[in-house]
Each structure stands twice: as structure tokens, then as C-alpha cells.
Protein backbone atom coordinates (compact mmCIF):
# COMPACT_ATOMS: atom_id res chain seq x y z
CA MET A 1 -152.10 49.19 7.83
CA ALA A 2 -148.42 48.42 7.86
CA ASP A 3 -147.84 44.77 8.54
CA PHE A 4 -145.67 46.38 12.27
CA GLU A 5 -148.64 47.71 13.00
CA THR A 6 -150.19 45.03 14.73
CA LYS A 7 -147.16 44.37 16.30
CA VAL A 8 -146.90 45.65 20.25
CA ASP A 9 -146.54 49.85 20.61
CA LEU A 10 -143.62 49.61 22.62
CA ALA A 11 -144.28 53.16 24.02
CA SER A 12 -147.96 52.91 25.21
CA GLU A 13 -148.45 54.92 28.46
CA ARG A 14 -150.13 51.49 29.58
CA LEU A 15 -147.00 50.03 29.40
CA GLY A 16 -145.19 52.42 31.11
CA GLY A 17 -144.00 54.51 28.51
CA ALA A 18 -143.25 58.28 29.27
CA ALA A 19 -142.47 61.12 27.45
CA ILE A 20 -139.13 62.11 30.10
CA TRP A 21 -137.99 65.58 28.38
CA ALA A 22 -138.46 68.07 25.46
CA THR A 23 -136.56 70.70 24.11
CA ASP A 24 -139.45 72.89 23.76
CA ASP A 25 -143.22 72.16 24.10
CA PHE A 26 -144.95 75.63 24.94
CA PHE A 27 -148.51 74.88 22.75
CA ALA A 28 -148.83 71.47 24.18
CA PRO A 29 -147.35 69.05 26.62
CA LYS A 30 -145.38 66.69 25.61
CA GLU A 31 -147.06 63.50 27.41
CA ASN A 32 -150.21 63.72 24.96
CA LEU A 33 -147.49 62.01 22.70
CA LEU A 34 -148.36 59.04 24.03
CA LYS A 35 -151.71 58.85 25.24
CA ALA A 36 -154.10 56.26 23.68
CA GLY A 37 -156.54 56.52 21.03
CA LYS A 38 -156.62 58.81 18.29
CA ALA A 39 -155.51 62.75 18.66
CA VAL A 40 -159.31 65.05 19.24
CA PHE A 41 -159.87 68.75 17.80
CA ILE A 42 -161.87 70.58 19.61
CA PRO A 43 -163.07 74.31 17.74
CA GLY A 44 -162.63 77.23 19.64
CA LYS A 45 -161.02 75.39 22.32
CA TYR A 46 -157.76 77.75 23.95
CA THR A 47 -156.15 78.14 26.26
CA GLU A 48 -153.51 80.92 27.53
CA GLN A 49 -150.80 79.56 25.33
CA GLY A 50 -152.97 79.24 22.61
CA LYS A 51 -154.58 77.07 20.75
CA TRP A 52 -155.30 73.87 22.81
CA MET A 53 -154.26 70.87 20.76
CA ASP A 54 -154.40 66.57 21.92
CA GLY A 55 -150.68 65.99 20.99
CA TRP A 56 -146.72 68.01 21.04
CA GLU A 57 -146.45 71.32 19.89
CA SER A 58 -143.70 73.54 20.57
CA ARG A 59 -143.77 77.66 19.93
CA ARG A 60 -141.92 78.80 16.56
CA ARG A 61 -138.92 78.55 16.18
CA ARG A 62 -136.91 81.97 15.40
CA SER A 63 -133.36 80.57 15.32
CA GLY A 64 -131.82 77.60 13.81
CA SER A 65 -131.79 74.26 15.13
CA GLU A 66 -135.17 71.97 15.51
CA ASP A 67 -136.96 70.39 19.00
CA ALA A 68 -136.46 67.15 20.09
CA CYS A 69 -138.79 65.14 22.48
CA ILE A 70 -136.88 61.81 24.42
CA VAL A 71 -139.63 59.05 25.26
CA ARG A 72 -138.97 56.38 28.31
CA LEU A 73 -139.97 52.80 26.24
CA GLY A 74 -142.79 50.96 28.25
CA LEU A 75 -141.04 47.79 27.16
CA ALA A 76 -137.30 47.36 25.59
CA GLY A 77 -137.50 45.92 22.36
CA ARG A 78 -136.14 45.62 18.68
CA ILE A 79 -138.41 48.45 17.18
CA ALA A 80 -140.22 47.76 13.74
CA GLY A 81 -141.71 50.50 12.61
CA PHE A 82 -143.34 54.27 13.92
CA ASP A 83 -146.73 56.14 13.70
CA VAL A 84 -145.58 59.78 13.24
CA ASP A 85 -148.85 60.76 13.75
CA THR A 86 -149.77 64.59 12.97
CA SER A 87 -153.56 64.28 13.09
CA HIS A 88 -155.01 67.94 13.09
CA PHE A 89 -151.70 69.74 12.91
CA LEU A 90 -152.19 71.82 9.25
CA GLY A 91 -150.47 74.33 9.05
CA ASN A 92 -148.17 73.31 12.33
CA ALA A 93 -146.89 69.88 11.43
CA PRO A 94 -143.14 70.24 11.17
CA ALA A 95 -141.95 69.68 7.60
CA LYS A 96 -139.34 66.73 8.82
CA VAL A 97 -138.58 64.07 11.67
CA SER A 98 -136.11 61.94 12.53
CA ILE A 99 -135.55 59.58 15.26
CA GLU A 100 -132.60 58.20 17.02
CA ALA A 101 -132.43 55.53 19.54
CA THR A 102 -130.27 53.63 22.74
CA TYR A 103 -130.50 51.09 25.64
CA VAL A 104 -129.61 51.93 28.64
CA PRO A 105 -129.50 49.03 31.30
CA GLY A 106 -130.72 50.38 34.56
CA TYR A 107 -133.00 53.57 35.75
CA LYS A 108 -130.79 56.58 34.22
CA ALA A 109 -131.80 59.71 36.18
CA LEU A 110 -132.09 62.43 33.61
CA ASP A 111 -129.21 64.28 33.35
CA ALA A 112 -127.35 61.75 33.03
CA LEU A 113 -129.28 60.57 30.26
CA LEU A 114 -129.08 64.25 28.35
CA GLY A 115 -125.65 63.40 28.67
CA ALA A 116 -122.51 63.05 26.50
CA ASP A 117 -121.73 59.37 27.38
CA VAL A 118 -124.84 58.75 26.32
CA ALA A 119 -124.52 57.32 22.43
CA TRP A 120 -127.80 57.77 20.59
CA THR A 121 -127.89 55.86 17.26
CA GLU A 122 -129.74 57.49 14.32
CA ILE A 123 -132.52 54.84 12.85
CA LEU A 124 -134.78 56.85 11.02
CA PRO A 125 -133.19 59.91 9.63
CA PRO A 126 -134.65 62.93 8.18
CA SER A 127 -138.20 62.58 6.52
CA ALA A 128 -140.88 64.31 5.09
CA VAL A 129 -144.07 64.16 7.39
CA LYS A 130 -147.39 65.53 5.77
CA PRO A 131 -149.58 67.40 7.88
CA GLY A 132 -153.16 65.93 9.33
CA SER A 133 -151.76 62.69 9.29
CA GLN A 134 -150.31 59.15 9.47
CA ASN A 135 -146.84 58.96 8.53
CA LEU A 136 -145.55 55.23 8.57
CA PHE A 137 -141.74 54.21 8.85
CA ALA A 138 -140.69 50.86 8.65
CA ILE A 139 -137.16 50.94 10.85
CA THR A 140 -134.57 47.63 9.46
CA ASP A 141 -132.08 48.42 12.81
CA GLY A 142 -132.03 45.40 14.35
CA GLY A 143 -131.15 46.60 17.95
CA THR A 144 -132.85 46.18 20.89
CA PHE A 145 -133.63 50.25 22.53
CA SER A 146 -135.64 51.53 26.08
CA HIS A 147 -135.60 55.24 24.75
CA VAL A 148 -136.28 57.04 21.65
CA LYS A 149 -135.56 60.48 20.47
CA LEU A 150 -138.41 62.48 18.55
CA ARG A 151 -136.75 65.50 16.45
CA ILE A 152 -139.09 67.40 14.55
CA TYR A 153 -137.82 70.12 11.78
CA PRO A 154 -137.70 73.20 12.51
CA ASP A 155 -140.85 72.87 15.39
CA GLY A 156 -144.18 72.07 15.08
CA GLY A 157 -146.83 69.76 15.99
CA VAL A 158 -147.01 66.31 16.08
CA ALA A 159 -150.36 64.70 17.97
CA ARG A 160 -148.54 60.68 18.84
CA LEU A 161 -146.37 58.58 18.61
CA ARG A 162 -146.43 54.69 18.07
CA VAL A 163 -143.53 52.92 18.39
CA TYR A 164 -144.62 49.48 16.74
CA GLY A 165 -142.08 46.51 17.89
CA GLU A 166 -141.06 43.41 19.40
CA VAL A 167 -140.30 43.17 23.38
CA LYS A 168 -137.36 41.66 24.53
CA PRO A 169 -137.04 40.78 27.81
CA ASP A 170 -134.51 40.17 30.39
CA TRP A 171 -134.45 36.80 30.76
CA ALA A 172 -131.66 36.18 32.17
CA LEU A 173 -133.13 38.63 35.13
CA LEU A 174 -136.68 37.04 35.22
CA LEU A 175 -134.92 33.38 35.00
CA SER A 176 -132.90 34.18 37.78
CA GLU A 177 -136.26 35.01 40.09
CA HIS A 178 -138.83 33.18 38.82
CA ARG A 179 -139.70 29.49 38.73
CA VAL A 180 -143.40 30.17 37.78
CA LEU A 181 -144.42 33.14 35.50
CA ASP A 182 -146.67 34.30 33.21
CA LEU A 183 -145.41 32.81 29.84
CA ALA A 184 -148.42 34.99 27.79
CA ALA A 185 -148.18 38.21 29.77
CA VAL A 186 -146.63 41.49 26.68
CA GLU A 187 -144.12 42.49 29.07
CA HIS A 188 -142.50 38.86 29.21
CA GLY A 189 -142.70 38.82 24.89
CA GLY A 190 -146.12 37.47 24.29
CA VAL A 191 -147.46 38.42 21.48
CA VAL A 192 -151.00 37.27 20.02
CA ILE A 193 -150.61 36.75 16.27
CA GLY A 194 -153.45 35.64 15.33
CA ALA A 195 -157.59 35.66 16.17
CA SER A 196 -160.28 34.57 13.57
CA ASP A 197 -162.76 37.83 14.06
CA GLU A 198 -160.92 41.09 16.13
CA PHE A 199 -164.95 43.50 14.67
CA PHE A 200 -165.63 44.99 18.45
CA SER A 201 -161.45 44.90 20.05
CA ASP A 202 -158.04 43.96 19.22
CA ARG A 203 -156.97 40.71 20.31
CA ARG A 204 -153.69 42.39 21.64
CA ASN A 205 -155.91 43.70 24.40
CA LEU A 206 -155.59 40.15 26.10
CA LEU A 207 -152.49 39.82 26.78
CA LEU A 208 -151.90 44.27 28.37
CA PRO A 209 -151.33 44.35 32.18
CA GLY A 210 -153.70 45.15 34.96
CA PRO A 211 -157.19 43.90 34.67
CA SER A 212 -159.03 45.72 32.25
CA ARG A 213 -161.24 48.58 32.41
CA ASP A 214 -163.85 48.06 30.23
CA MET A 215 -166.39 45.83 27.83
CA GLY A 216 -163.62 47.80 24.77
CA ASP A 217 -160.83 46.72 26.69
CA GLY A 218 -160.37 42.76 25.91
CA TRP A 219 -161.08 41.17 23.09
CA GLU A 220 -164.54 40.62 21.47
CA SER A 221 -165.85 39.25 18.12
CA ARG A 222 -168.62 40.36 16.19
CA ARG A 223 -172.04 37.45 17.17
CA ARG A 224 -171.38 34.39 14.90
CA ARG A 225 -174.43 33.61 13.04
CA GLY A 226 -173.35 30.34 11.05
CA PRO A 227 -170.93 27.14 12.51
CA GLY A 228 -167.75 26.85 13.94
CA HIS A 229 -166.59 29.12 16.62
CA ASP A 230 -163.65 31.84 16.97
CA TRP A 231 -159.65 31.74 18.09
CA ALA A 232 -156.15 33.44 19.09
CA ILE A 233 -153.15 32.32 18.88
CA VAL A 234 -150.24 33.20 21.23
CA ARG A 235 -146.88 32.82 20.89
CA LEU A 236 -145.19 32.81 24.40
CA GLY A 237 -142.71 35.12 25.28
CA ARG A 238 -140.64 31.86 25.87
CA ALA A 239 -141.84 28.17 25.47
CA GLY A 240 -142.45 26.21 28.64
CA THR A 241 -144.29 24.19 30.45
CA LEU A 242 -147.77 25.64 31.41
CA VAL A 243 -149.51 24.71 34.56
CA ARG A 244 -152.48 28.02 34.95
CA THR A 245 -154.31 29.63 32.81
CA ASP A 246 -156.70 32.90 34.03
CA ILE A 247 -158.96 33.30 31.81
CA ASP A 248 -161.55 36.67 32.94
CA THR A 249 -164.63 37.55 31.65
CA THR A 250 -164.94 40.36 33.28
CA HIS A 251 -166.78 42.71 31.92
CA PHE A 252 -168.61 40.98 29.57
CA LYS A 253 -172.59 39.89 30.54
CA GLY A 254 -174.29 40.00 27.81
CA ASN A 255 -171.42 38.74 25.60
CA TYR A 256 -169.03 36.41 27.64
CA PRO A 257 -168.56 33.63 25.77
CA GLU A 258 -170.38 29.84 26.68
CA SER A 259 -167.10 27.86 26.99
CA CYS A 260 -163.48 28.09 26.06
CA ALA A 261 -160.73 25.24 25.61
CA LEU A 262 -157.11 25.90 25.07
CA GLU A 263 -154.81 23.55 23.03
CA GLY A 264 -150.58 23.97 22.41
CA CYS A 265 -148.02 23.20 20.60
CA PHE A 266 -144.11 23.72 19.93
CA LEU A 267 -143.26 24.48 17.12
CA ARG A 268 -139.11 25.14 16.39
CA GLY A 269 -139.27 27.26 13.29
CA GLU A 270 -141.02 30.53 11.97
CA ASP A 271 -144.55 30.55 12.90
CA THR A 272 -146.36 30.75 9.45
CA PRO A 273 -149.65 29.93 8.81
CA GLU A 274 -148.66 26.79 7.29
CA ALA A 275 -146.84 25.17 10.15
CA LEU A 276 -149.52 26.69 12.96
CA GLU A 277 -152.30 24.34 10.36
CA ALA A 278 -149.64 21.32 10.16
CA ALA A 279 -148.88 21.64 14.18
CA ALA A 280 -149.30 19.01 16.98
CA TRP A 281 -151.87 20.91 18.35
CA LYS A 282 -152.36 18.68 22.08
CA GLU A 283 -155.01 19.27 24.29
CA LEU A 284 -154.27 21.61 27.76
CA LEU A 285 -157.60 22.72 28.73
CA PRO A 286 -160.89 20.72 27.75
CA ARG A 287 -163.22 22.60 26.26
CA THR A 288 -165.03 24.02 29.88
CA LYS A 289 -167.97 26.25 30.95
CA LEU A 290 -167.39 30.27 31.26
CA GLU A 291 -169.55 32.66 33.31
CA ALA A 292 -170.15 36.39 32.70
CA HIS A 293 -168.19 38.95 33.94
CA THR A 294 -166.34 35.98 36.45
CA ARG A 295 -162.34 35.31 36.47
CA HIS A 296 -162.04 31.60 35.78
CA VAL A 297 -158.30 29.78 37.40
CA PHE A 298 -158.45 26.67 35.61
CA SER A 299 -155.45 23.87 35.84
CA LEU A 300 -153.39 23.07 33.10
CA GLN A 301 -152.93 19.38 30.99
CA ALA A 302 -149.40 20.30 30.53
CA SER A 303 -146.56 17.23 30.49
CA GLU A 304 -144.17 19.14 28.23
CA PRO A 305 -143.39 22.33 27.06
CA VAL A 306 -145.12 24.37 24.46
CA SER A 307 -144.74 27.65 22.40
CA HIS A 308 -148.29 28.65 21.07
CA VAL A 309 -151.47 28.36 23.18
CA ARG A 310 -154.44 28.08 20.97
CA LEU A 311 -157.62 30.08 23.19
CA ARG A 312 -160.76 28.55 21.54
CA ILE A 313 -163.71 30.35 22.86
CA PHE A 314 -167.97 28.30 21.80
CA PRO A 315 -169.63 30.37 19.80
CA ASP A 316 -168.16 33.50 20.28
CA GLY A 317 -167.63 36.76 22.57
CA GLY A 318 -165.87 38.43 24.85
CA VAL A 319 -162.62 37.84 27.02
CA ALA A 320 -161.05 40.64 28.94
CA ARG A 321 -157.45 38.55 29.72
CA LEU A 322 -155.68 35.44 29.22
CA ARG A 323 -152.87 34.67 31.45
CA LEU A 324 -150.51 31.19 30.94
CA TYR A 325 -148.34 30.58 33.52
CA GLY A 326 -145.61 27.95 33.71
CA ALA A 327 -142.06 26.97 34.19
CA PRO A 328 -139.98 29.00 31.11
CA ILE A 329 -137.44 26.71 29.66
CA THR A 330 -133.79 27.51 30.38
CA ALA A 331 -132.54 27.02 27.42
């Protein structure tokens, strides 16, 4: 796994990402590009257009140029890398891909987005891709982008597109409208930067918007057979003074934690493992009993701002969602 794959998929449908335009999607619709999960292959399944494929696939191009698809990111941010996944596209994968990006404030109509006045920056030059494979590309451009344009040369199919990066919220707008908000929310830049165990499900699920869909849509550790307990650390989107938390065990009925606790710290530098180990963690919520399949709401004992929060669960188990409400610092 590339380092950037631990970051947020800015194009995720769950976060509002959408494939909004393509030159051609004759064989398979562009919307498939952003579907959750791995692409599947069903032998013998055909449509009126031809073989059914779980991805975006254009027809065979008989002229020059190439095909392209524009994706509106669910959350604007700084892109760290791409996964251009050609799974199951073996004799019909593109030879190369390139990616351009732009930042468009507000909500431009598609016609305006396709206009000559929108400046697209190439952040991935034409690069060879392997058929039937994940193709990972790290990006070093430091800009903030709201849309990406995937070009495939000259045509063919791509199963999934993942756009990994860091969310960059409009804090001027948020601070003008809210005194208290969920500082851990992924849309506000919150990130689960580490966890003791992710055997059953991804730690990043903790901060997803909306309620969890099922048990697999939360964070769950394996059964602990020795001493100790599990934990997850959240870097808040903005440091602030926390006043309330929601710790939701919905769908976790025979595998919820017996109890939990929260601690916070304030880091001014990078949150390296060494810095987190040396940080002065202060109790926000003492060890508190939890119930199965329940949204728990607790007041927090915070008197000063924190930048990071550590959720401890005893001894193990699953948590669907974690919300951390507070007043963000303004400077």
C-alpha cells in the first residue's frame, strides 16, 4: 500500500464526489468510476452495448485524440495521489492516462466548467498503466483542487478512480456561520491518523458523514486475547475547545466495547509517532460504560483547545461513528 492510500478519497461518492462528464461511455457508464468497493467481473453478462463491465468504458476510438472524464470532488483538497484501477480490463485497458485538476469556487454549471476560461493544470503527465491492476501515482503539486479530469489514451476502460488527499475546508465561511461544530468531521478536515488495530474495518469510517449503514461501515478491531485495549487517534480539522462527543455503537450488538475514554492534546508541530508519544494528553472523558447499538452523547471536560483526540476502547470491539463538537480557534 502506498502511503497516500491512508488519506481521504476526495472523490468518494460517500463524500459527494460525482463523475459529471465524459467524452464517451458507450460500454460502461462513467458513474461506475467512483463506486465504493472493488470492481467485480460477471462472466457471461452482456448488455445491448456489449460485455457488461464494472467501470467506465468508452468505445473503440477510430480517430485521433483521446477520451476523458471530469470528476467533481466531494471535498476540495490537496491531492497526494491517485489509484487508476483497471481491474478486469485486460484487452481493453488504456495504454496511458493523464490527469488535470482545477479549483472552481462555488457551483459552476457544466457548460461553464467546460469553457475555455477554466484553467486546468496537468498534475499527472501521460503515464503508462497496466491492465487488470491498481496503478498508483504519487502527486507533489501543492495546490487545492475541486475537480479532476482523467484522460485515457486512446480509449478503453477504467474500473475505479481514487483521488487521495487532504481536505481543505473553507474555514472563513465555517467560522462565520458556526460557533460550535464537529471538528473531527471528514468534511472539516478531520483525519484518523492511527489506530491500534483495523482487522475487521477501516478506522477512517469513524468520521464518515451520516449514520453507519451496517457493521462494516464503522471501525472494528479483532478480539483481544491478552492485556491492554484498543485505540484510535484523530487529528481535528482545526484545533478547538471541545464541549460534547457522540460515540455511536449502532450495529455493534455482540461486539461493542465495554467502555471507552477520551483524551486530548495540543501539538504545534508535526504529529509524528514520537511527538504523539511525548504529548501531554489530558482526560476529556473518563472511562465510561457503553451500550450495544446505541448513540451515546457525553459532555466533555475540556478547558483549553486540543488538536488531537485519542479514543480508547476497552478492551476491543467496534464503534460506528465518532463526533467531537467544539468551538474552533480563530487564529
